[in-house]
C-alpha atoms as a PDB file:
ATOM      1  CA  MET A   1      89.571 102.770  39.675  1.00  0.00           C
ATOM      2  CA  THR A   2      89.558 104.381  36.210  1.00  0.00           C
ATOM      3  CA  THR A   3      91.953 107.153  35.211  1.00  0.00           C
ATOM      4  CA  THR A   4      92.170 109.258  32.049  1.00  0.00           C
ATOM      5  CA  GLN A   5      95.443 110.192  30.334  1.00  0.00           C
ATOM      6  CA  GLY A   6      94.856 112.271  27.198  1.00  0.00           C
ATOM      7  CA  ASN A   7      92.403 110.231  25.137  1.00  0.00           C
ATOM      8  CA  ILE A   8      93.433 106.957  26.789  1.00  0.00           C
ATOM      9  CA  VAL A   9      91.328 105.462  29.579  1.00  0.00           C
ATOM     10  CA  ARG A  10      92.930 102.694  31.587  1.00  0.00           C
ATOM     11  CA  GLU A  11      92.209 100.679  34.716  1.00  0.00           C
ATOM     12  CA  SER A  12      94.721 101.374  37.487  1.00  0.00           C
ATOM     13  CA  SER A  13      96.104  98.177  38.935  1.00  0.00           C
ATOM     14  CA  PHE A  14      95.397  96.655  42.311  1.00  0.00           C
ATOM     15  CA  ALA A  15      99.004  97.304  43.310  1.00  0.00           C
ATOM     16  CA  GLU A  16      98.799 100.982  42.279  1.00  0.00           C
ATOM     17  CA  ASP A  17      95.605 101.517  44.246  1.00  0.00           C
ATOM     18  CA  TRP A  18      97.178  99.911  47.307  1.00  0.00           C
ATOM     19  CA  ALA A  19     100.358 101.967  46.952  1.00  0.00           C
ATOM     20  CA  ASN A  20      98.320 105.183  46.716  1.00  0.00           C
ATOM     21  CA  TRP A  21      96.277 104.198  49.761  1.00  0.00           C
ATOM     22  CA  ARG A  22      99.433 103.405  51.702  1.00  0.00           C
ATOM     23  CA  ALA A  23     101.031 106.743  50.772  1.00  0.00           C
ATOM     24  CA  ALA A  24      97.930 108.598  51.996  1.00  0.00           C
ATOM     25  CA  ARG A  25      97.915 106.560  55.204  1.00  0.00           C
ATOM     26  CA  GLU A  26     101.548 107.387  55.979  1.00  0.00           C
ATOM     27  CA  PHE A  27     101.034 111.054  55.093  1.00  0.00           C
ATOM     28  CA  ALA A  28      98.182 111.223  57.616  1.00  0.00           C
ATOM     29  CA  LEU A  29     100.357 109.639  60.310  1.00  0.00           C
ATOM     30  CA  THR A  30     102.912 112.436  59.944  1.00  0.00           C
ATOM     31  CA  ALA A  31     100.419 115.219  60.743  1.00  0.00           C
ATOM     32  CA  GLU A  32     101.983 117.885  62.950  1.00  0.00           C
ATOM     33  CA  TYR A  33      99.915 116.908  65.983  1.00  0.00           C
ATOM     34  CA  GLY A  34      98.977 113.377  64.915  1.00  0.00           C
ATOM     35  CA  TRP A  35      99.542 110.087  66.683  1.00  0.00           C
ATOM     36  CA  LEU A  36     103.295 110.198  66.143  1.00  0.00           C
ATOM     37  CA  SER A  37     103.480 113.423  68.143  1.00  0.00           C
ATOM     38  CA  LEU A  38     102.389 111.901  71.474  1.00  0.00           C
ATOM     39  CA  THR A  39     105.026 112.285  74.204  1.00  0.00           C
ATOM     40  CA  ALA A  40     103.165 111.814  77.509  1.00  0.00           C
ATOM     41  CA  PHE A  41     100.032 110.465  79.199  1.00  0.00           C
ATOM     42  CA  HIS A  42      98.954 111.380  82.735  1.00  0.00           C
ATOM     43  CA  TRP A  43      95.871 110.464  84.740  1.00  0.00           C
ATOM     44  CA  LEU A  44      94.758 113.599  86.562  1.00  0.00           C
ATOM     45  CA  PRO A  45      94.888 113.452  90.383  1.00  0.00           C
ATOM     46  CA  GLU A  46      91.893 114.209  92.571  1.00  0.00           C
ATOM     47  CA  SER A  47      93.909 116.686  94.649  1.00  0.00           C
ATOM     48  CA  PRO A  48      95.910 119.445  92.953  1.00  0.00           C
ATOM     49  CA  GLY A  49      99.439 118.359  92.215  1.00  0.00           C
ATOM     50  CA  PRO A  50     102.260 118.573  89.670  1.00  0.00           C
ATOM     51  CA  LEU A  51     102.724 116.408  86.590  1.00  0.00           C
ATOM     52  CA  ASP A  52     106.149 115.440  85.307  1.00  0.00           C
ATOM     53  CA  GLY A  53     107.487 117.902  82.737  1.00  0.00           C
ATOM     54  CA  LEU A  54     104.473 120.230  82.900  1.00  0.00           C
ATOM     55  CA  PRO A  55     104.040 123.570  84.678  1.00  0.00           C
ATOM     56  CA  GLY A  56     101.508 124.353  87.395  1.00  0.00           C
ATOM     57  CA  THR A  57      99.152 121.988  89.175  1.00  0.00           C
ATOM     58  CA  TRP A  58      96.504 119.627  87.852  1.00  0.00           C
ATOM     59  CA  SER A  59      93.398 118.020  89.314  1.00  0.00           C
ATOM     60  CA  VAL A  60      89.834 116.839  88.793  1.00  0.00           C
ATOM     61  CA  THR A  61      86.940 118.839  90.250  1.00  0.00           C
ATOM     62  CA  ASP A  62      83.162 118.669  90.093  1.00  0.00           C
ATOM     63  CA  ASP A  63      83.423 120.997  87.088  1.00  0.00           C
ATOM     64  CA  GLY A  64      85.813 118.737  85.153  1.00  0.00           C
ATOM     65  CA  ALA A  65      89.566 118.846  84.704  1.00  0.00           C
ATOM     66  CA  ARG A  66      91.458 121.805  86.181  1.00  0.00           C
ATOM     67  CA  HIS A  67      94.871 123.281  85.445  1.00  0.00           C
ATOM     68  CA  THR A  68      96.341 126.106  87.498  1.00  0.00           C
ATOM     69  CA  PRO A  69      99.324 127.785  85.790  1.00  0.00           C
ATOM     70  CA  PRO A  70     102.245 128.950  87.962  1.00  0.00           C
ATOM     71  CA  ASP A  71     101.276 132.608  87.423  1.00  0.00           C
ATOM     72  CA  GLY A  72      97.638 132.614  86.400  1.00  0.00           C
ATOM     73  CA  ASP A  73      94.047 131.724  87.156  1.00  0.00           C
ATOM     74  CA  PRO A  74      92.760 128.132  87.024  1.00  0.00           C
ATOM     75  CA  ILE A  75      91.239 126.905  83.778  1.00  0.00           C
ATOM     76  CA  THR A  76      88.654 124.137  83.707  1.00  0.00           C
ATOM     77  CA  ALA A  77      87.294 121.963  80.890  1.00  0.00           C
ATOM     78  CA  ARG A  78      85.124 118.940  80.254  1.00  0.00           C
ATOM     79  CA  VAL A  79      85.068 116.335  77.510  1.00  0.00           C
ATOM     80  CA  ALA A  80      82.731 113.450  76.677  1.00  0.00           C
ATOM     81  CA  GLU A  81      83.624 109.843  77.430  1.00  0.00           C
ATOM     82  CA  ALA A  82      85.979 108.461  74.742  1.00  0.00           C
ATOM     83  CA  GLY A  83      86.338 111.974  73.349  1.00  0.00           C
ATOM     84  CA  SER A  84      89.257 114.377  73.313  1.00  0.00           C
ATOM     85  CA  LEU A  85      89.856 118.120  73.396  1.00  0.00           C
ATOM     86  CA  ASN A  86      92.955 120.054  72.396  1.00  0.00           C
ATOM     87  CA  TRP A  87      92.781 122.018  75.626  1.00  0.00           C
ATOM     88  CA  PHE A  88      95.585 124.586  75.352  1.00  0.00           C
ATOM     89  CA  ARG A  89      99.132 125.117  74.111  1.00  0.00           C
ATOM     90  CA  LEU A  90     102.427 125.186  75.960  1.00  0.00           C
ATOM     91  CA  GLY A  91     104.748 126.699  73.371  1.00  0.00           C
ATOM     92  CA  ASP A  92     104.736 124.278  70.439  1.00  0.00           C
ATOM     93  CA  ARG A  93     103.182 121.532  72.537  1.00  0.00           C
ATOM     94  CA  VAL A  94      99.443 120.853  72.755  1.00  0.00           C
ATOM     95  CA  VAL A  95      97.822 119.557  75.932  1.00  0.00           C
ATOM     96  CA  GLU A  96      94.979 117.219  74.985  1.00  0.00           C
ATOM     97  CA  LEU A  97      92.242 116.407  77.495  1.00  0.00           C
ATOM     98  CA  VAL A  98      90.618 112.951  77.331  1.00  0.00           C
ATOM     99  CA  LEU A  99      88.047 111.027  79.353  1.00  0.00           C
ATOM    100  CA  ARG A 100      88.586 107.280  79.452  1.00  0.00           C
ATOM    101  CA  GLY A 101      86.618 104.857  81.605  1.00  0.00           C
ATOM    102  CA  GLY A 102      85.217 107.796  83.572  1.00  0.00           C
ATOM    103  CA  ARG A 103      88.687 109.144  84.417  1.00  0.00           C
ATOM    104  CA  TYR A 104      90.226 112.362  83.143  1.00  0.00           C
ATOM    105  CA  ALA A 105      93.721 112.304  81.683  1.00  0.00           C
ATOM    106  CA  ILE A 106      95.895 114.505  79.550  1.00  0.00           C
ATOM    107  CA  ARG A 107      98.168 113.652  76.657  1.00  0.00           C
ATOM    108  CA  VAL A 108     100.910 115.893  75.364  1.00  0.00           C
ATOM    109  CA  ARG A 109     101.426 116.292  71.614  1.00  0.00           C
ATOM    110  CA  ASP A 110     104.726 117.690  70.374  1.00  0.00           C
ATOM    111  CA  PRO A 111     105.629 118.068  66.669  1.00  0.00           C
ATOM    112  CA  LEU A 112     109.265 117.414  67.653  1.00  0.00           C
ATOM    113  CA  ALA A 113     108.418 114.047  69.233  1.00  0.00           C
ATOM    114  CA  PRO A 114     111.105 111.463  68.401  1.00  0.00           C
ATOM    115  CA  ASN A 115     108.534 109.097  66.845  1.00  0.00           C
ATOM    116  CA  ARG A 116     107.476 111.798  64.387  1.00  0.00           C
ATOM    117  CA  VAL A 117     110.929 113.176  63.637  1.00  0.00           C
ATOM    118  CA  ARG A 118     112.432 109.794  62.795  1.00  0.00           C
ATOM    119  CA  PHE A 119     109.364 108.286  61.095  1.00  0.00           C
ATOM    120  CA  ALA A 120     110.399 106.443  57.934  1.00  0.00           C
ATOM    121  CA  GLY A 121     107.170 104.650  57.067  1.00  0.00           C
ATOM    122  CA  VAL A 122     105.232 101.654  58.344  1.00  0.00           C
ATOM    123  CA  PRO A 123     106.490  98.230  57.272  1.00  0.00           C
ATOM    124  CA  ALA A 124     103.821  96.164  55.545  1.00  0.00           C
ATOM    125  CA  PHE A 125     103.280  92.838  53.845  1.00  0.00           C
ATOM    126  CA  ALA A 126     103.336  92.906  50.051  1.00  0.00           C
ATOM    127  CA  ALA A 127      99.914  93.553  48.543  1.00  0.00           C
ATOM    128  CA  ASP A 128      98.165  90.343  47.518  1.00  0.00           C
ATOM    129  CA  PRO A 129      94.710  90.210  45.845  1.00  0.00           C
ATOM    130  CA  ALA A 130      94.111  86.849  47.533  1.00  0.00           C
ATOM    131  CA  TRP A 131      93.577  88.750  50.784  1.00  0.00           C
ATOM    132  CA  VAL A 132      90.521  90.568  49.392  1.00  0.00           C
ATOM    133  CA  ILE A 133      87.831  88.301  50.820  1.00  0.00           C
ATOM    134  CA  ALA A 134      84.039  88.308  50.606  1.00  0.00           C
ATOM    135  CA  GLY A 135      82.005  88.384  53.792  1.00  0.00           C
ATOM    136  CA  ARG A 136      78.477  88.886  55.020  1.00  0.00           C
ATOM    137  CA  PHE A 137      77.126  91.313  57.594  1.00  0.00           C
ATOM    138  CA  GLN A 138      74.332  90.437  60.012  1.00  0.00           C
ATOM    139  CA  PRO A 139      73.226  93.573  61.889  1.00  0.00           C
ATOM    140  CA  PHE A 140      71.849  93.486  65.412  1.00  0.00           C
ATOM    141  CA  ASP A 141      68.345  94.809  65.981  1.00  0.00           C
ATOM    142  CA  ASP A 142      69.969  97.501  68.123  1.00  0.00           C
ATOM    143  CA  PRO A 143      73.638  98.421  68.676  1.00  0.00           C
ATOM    144  CA  ARG A 144      75.217  96.859  71.761  1.00  0.00           C
ATOM    145  CA  ARG A 145      77.673  98.332  74.227  1.00  0.00           C
ATOM    146  CA  ILE A 146      80.313  95.913  75.477  1.00  0.00           C
ATOM    147  CA  THR A 147      83.319  96.284  77.765  1.00  0.00           C
ATOM    148  CA  VAL A 148      86.773  95.485  76.384  1.00  0.00           C
ATOM    149  CA  ASP A 149      90.366  95.705  77.537  1.00  0.00           C
ATOM    150  CA  THR A 150      92.596  98.407  76.086  1.00  0.00           C
ATOM    151  CA  ALA A 151      96.238  99.019  75.298  1.00  0.00           C
ATOM    152  CA  ARG A 152      96.630 100.163  78.907  1.00  0.00           C
ATOM    153  CA  THR A 153      96.582  97.624  81.733  1.00  0.00           C
ATOM    154  CA  ASP A 154      94.845 100.160  84.014  1.00  0.00           C
ATOM    155  CA  LEU A 155      91.897 100.847  81.719  1.00  0.00           C
ATOM    156  CA  GLN A 156      88.839  99.152  80.283  1.00  0.00           C
ATOM    157  CA  GLN A 157      86.417 100.877  77.917  1.00  0.00           C
ATOM    158  CA  GLN A 158      83.016 100.341  76.367  1.00  0.00           C
ATOM    159  CA  VAL A 159      82.675 100.081  72.599  1.00  0.00           C
ATOM    160  CA  THR A 160      79.584  99.967  70.387  1.00  0.00           C
ATOM    161  CA  ILE A 161      79.027  96.860  68.265  1.00  0.00           C
ATOM    162  CA  VAL A 162      76.464  96.949  65.453  1.00  0.00           C
ATOM    163  CA  GLY A 163      76.509  93.334  64.250  1.00  0.00           C
ATOM    164  CA  THR A 164      78.622  90.410  63.095  1.00  0.00           C
ATOM    165  CA  VAL A 165      80.625  89.852  59.923  1.00  0.00           C
ATOM    166  CA  THR A 166      81.193  86.284  58.786  1.00  0.00           C
ATOM    167  CA  VAL A 167      84.262  85.745  56.629  1.00  0.00           C
ATOM    168  CA  GLN A 168      85.967  82.594  55.393  1.00  0.00           C
ATOM    169  CA  VAL A 169      89.719  82.427  55.913  1.00  0.00           C
ATOM    170  CA  ALA A 170      91.822  79.319  55.209  1.00  0.00           C
ATOM    171  CA  GLY A 171      88.692  77.261  54.584  1.00  0.00           C
ATOM    172  CA  ALA A 172      86.942  78.085  57.856  1.00  0.00           C
ATOM    173  CA  ASP A 173      84.181  80.571  58.661  1.00  0.00           C
ATOM    174  CA  HIS A 174      84.861  83.163  61.346  1.00  0.00           C
ATOM    175  CA  SER A 175      82.204  85.360  62.926  1.00  0.00           C
ATOM    176  CA  LEU A 176      83.598  88.724  64.032  1.00  0.00           C
ATOM    177  CA  LEU A 177      81.921  91.550  65.932  1.00  0.00           C
ATOM    178  CA  ALA A 178      81.952  94.813  63.979  1.00  0.00           C
ATOM    179  CA  GLY A 179      81.546  98.481  64.800  1.00  0.00           C
ATOM    180  CA  ALA A 180      80.267 101.324  62.633  1.00  0.00           C
ATOM    181  CA  GLY A 181      82.914 102.904  60.410  1.00  0.00           C
ATOM    182  CA  ALA A 182      83.016 105.875  58.092  1.00  0.00           C
ATOM    183  CA  ASP A 183      80.385 106.473  55.399  1.00  0.00           C
ATOM    184  CA  GLY A 184      78.465 103.264  56.086  1.00  0.00           C
ATOM    185  CA  ALA A 185      81.446 100.901  56.189  1.00  0.00           C
ATOM    186  CA  LEU A 186      82.256  98.716  59.195  1.00  0.00           C
ATOM    187  CA  THR A 187      85.387  98.339  61.317  1.00  0.00           C
ATOM    188  CA  ILE A 188      86.709  95.075  62.696  1.00  0.00           C
ATOM    189  CA  SER A 189      89.448  94.831  65.304  1.00  0.00           C
ATOM    190  CA  PHE A 190      90.958  91.363  65.458  1.00  0.00           C
ATOM    191  CA  HIS A 191      93.748  89.123  66.679  1.00  0.00           C
ATOM    192  CA  ASP A 192      95.562  86.667  64.412  1.00  0.00           C
ATOM    193  CA  ASP A 193      98.591  84.400  64.615  1.00  0.00           C
ATOM    194  CA  THR A 194     101.048  87.060  63.436  1.00  0.00           C
ATOM    195  CA  ASN A 195     100.435  89.171  66.561  1.00  0.00           C
ATOM    196  CA  GLY A 196     103.469  89.599  68.764  1.00  0.00           C
ATOM    197  CA  ALA A 197     105.758  88.311  66.015  1.00  0.00           C
ATOM    198  CA  SER A 198     105.580  90.328  62.793  1.00  0.00           C
ATOM    199  CA  THR A 199     102.573  92.460  63.814  1.00  0.00           C
ATOM    200  CA  ALA A 200     101.297  94.414  66.810  1.00  0.00           C
ATOM    201  CA  ARG A 201      99.127  92.855  69.544  1.00  0.00           C
ATOM    202  CA  TRP A 202      96.053  93.442  67.396  1.00  0.00           C
ATOM    203  CA  ARG A 203      95.073  95.367  64.279  1.00  0.00           C
ATOM    204  CA  THR A 204      91.955  96.760  62.639  1.00  0.00           C
ATOM    205  CA  VAL A 205      90.470  96.732  59.149  1.00  0.00           C
ATOM    206  CA  ALA A 206      87.578  98.528  57.446  1.00  0.00           C
ATOM    207  CA  THR A 207      85.086  96.687  55.268  1.00  0.00           C
ATOM    208  CA  SER A 208      83.313  97.903  52.168  1.00  0.00           C
ATOM    209  CA  VAL A 209      79.806  99.296  52.653  1.00  0.00           C
ATOM    210  CA  PRO A 210      77.483  96.276  52.997  1.00  0.00           C
ATOM    211  CA  ASP A 211      74.985  95.680  50.206  1.00  0.00           C
ATOM    212  CA  ALA A 212      71.274  95.384  50.950  1.00  0.00           C
ATOM    213  CA  ASP A 213      71.691  91.627  51.524  1.00  0.00           C
ATOM    214  CA  GLY A 214      74.686  92.182  53.843  1.00  0.00           C
ATOM    215  CA  SER A 215      77.373  91.111  51.386  1.00  0.00           C
ATOM    216  CA  LEU A 216      80.665  93.009  51.601  1.00  0.00           C
ATOM    217  CA  THR A 217      84.386  92.640  51.051  1.00  0.00           C
ATOM    218  CA  ILE A 218      87.312  92.891  53.447  1.00  0.00           C
ATOM    219  CA  ASP A 219      90.634  93.923  51.955  1.00  0.00           C
ATOM    220  CA  PHE A 220      93.057  92.652  54.562  1.00  0.00           C
ATOM    221  CA  ASN A 221      95.861  94.388  52.656  1.00  0.00           C
ATOM    222  CA  ARG A 222      94.489  97.568  54.224  1.00  0.00           C
ATOM    223  CA  THR A 223      94.693  96.288  57.786  1.00  0.00           C
ATOM    224  CA  VAL A 224      96.250  99.001  59.931  1.00  0.00           C
ATOM    225  CA  ASN A 225      97.869  99.500  63.296  1.00  0.00           C
ATOM    226  CA  LEU A 226      96.072 101.433  65.975  1.00  0.00           C
ATOM    227  CA  PRO A 227      97.885 104.322  67.708  1.00  0.00           C
ATOM    228  CA  PHE A 228      99.167 102.142  70.570  1.00  0.00           C
ATOM    229  CA  ALA A 229     101.472 100.390  68.091  1.00  0.00           C
ATOM    230  CA  PHE A 230     103.318 103.680  67.536  1.00  0.00           C
ATOM    231  CA  SER A 231     103.216 105.102  71.060  1.00  0.00           C
ATOM    232  CA  ASP A 232     102.962 104.046  74.701  1.00  0.00           C
ATOM    233  CA  HIS A 233     100.357 106.784  75.168  1.00  0.00           C
ATOM    234  CA  GLY A 234      97.441 105.312  73.209  1.00  0.00           C
ATOM    235  CA  THR A 235      94.260 104.112  74.949  1.00  0.00           C
ATOM    236  CA  CYS A 236      93.047 101.948  72.068  1.00  0.00           C
ATOM    237  CA  PRO A 237      90.258  99.417  72.765  1.00  0.00           C
ATOM    238  CA  ALA A 238      91.229  95.788  72.226  1.00  0.00           C
ATOM    239  CA  PRO A 239      89.138  93.495  69.999  1.00  0.00           C
ATOM    240  CA  PRO A 240      85.960  92.110  71.543  1.00  0.00           C
ATOM    241  CA  GLY A 241      86.254  88.616  72.921  1.00  0.00           C
ATOM    242  CA  GLY A 242      86.063  86.075  70.117  1.00  0.00           C
ATOM    243  CA  ASN A 243      87.471  88.378  67.433  1.00  0.00           C
ATOM    244  CA  ARG A 244      90.361  86.070  66.711  1.00  0.00           C
ATOM    245  CA  ILE A 245      91.252  84.519  63.362  1.00  0.00           C
ATOM    246  CA  PRO A 246      93.505  81.552  64.277  1.00  0.00           C
ATOM    247  CA  VAL A 247      95.724  81.743  61.195  1.00  0.00           C
ATOM    248  CA  GLU A 248      98.459  84.122  60.060  1.00  0.00           C
ATOM    249  CA  ILE A 249      96.929  87.127  58.303  1.00  0.00           C
ATOM    250  CA  THR A 250     100.034  88.027  56.296  1.00  0.00           C
ATOM    251  CA  ALA A 251      98.530  91.225  54.933  1.00  0.00           C
ATOM    252  CA  GLY A 252      98.457  94.856  55.936  1.00  0.00           C
ATOM    253  CA  GLU A 253     100.694  96.761  58.295  1.00  0.00           C
ATOM    254  CA  LYS A 254     103.436  95.101  60.326  1.00  0.00           C
ATOM    255  CA  GLN A 255     104.784  96.084  63.745  1.00  0.00           C
ATOM    256  CA  PRO A 256     106.362  99.553  63.467  1.00  0.00           C
ATOM    257  CA  GLN A 257     110.121  99.634  63.976  1.00  0.00           C
END
């Protein structure tokens, strides 16, 4: 990255770029109704009934999810699989409707959630250029839908995989299934030998945009936690089977404290 100061042009350092990226990442996490604001998750019952800490009754009908306030008419909404909808507000709280594995659920987002109020940053390994590693992308002829576990023991989901990325770590090649990311990049969810010790159960990293021949880079320093690492109310898909790098990836975000 090149910056201009007066008439002086200089190259910003790797460490500065990483620090700026990390600051932006943590700023995004503190959004008023972001992942740190989650306070509850409830599967909706088939028959109308109450949910802990919420007014009225809740259920699933042929028309979608239904909420009947204590003193009002029922309201009904739908959402696409794996999608979400900020359905309505209860004071400062937002009730979010989601559809996961064909089942409707709601999550509650509260800007005064303890995780958000006491957030003091995400611990991370020190930035190290050695963890910026070249790889190669081999796309599938057509995207594939596969079923994976999730952060919840009562839920499996389907994810879309667009190809494989081969990367060499600690002298060995590893072939990892990748999904489509933002602006032409790829995303890779993976396990490594730090999981359950210094890091969460799994993490995810974005690649650079592949070149025409499939070459790309993976900056493992920018490996991040998924929402389940910050909250018990995430439904994050686990890595596809085989997406394990059997060494310690001592780069990127650590387990939140």
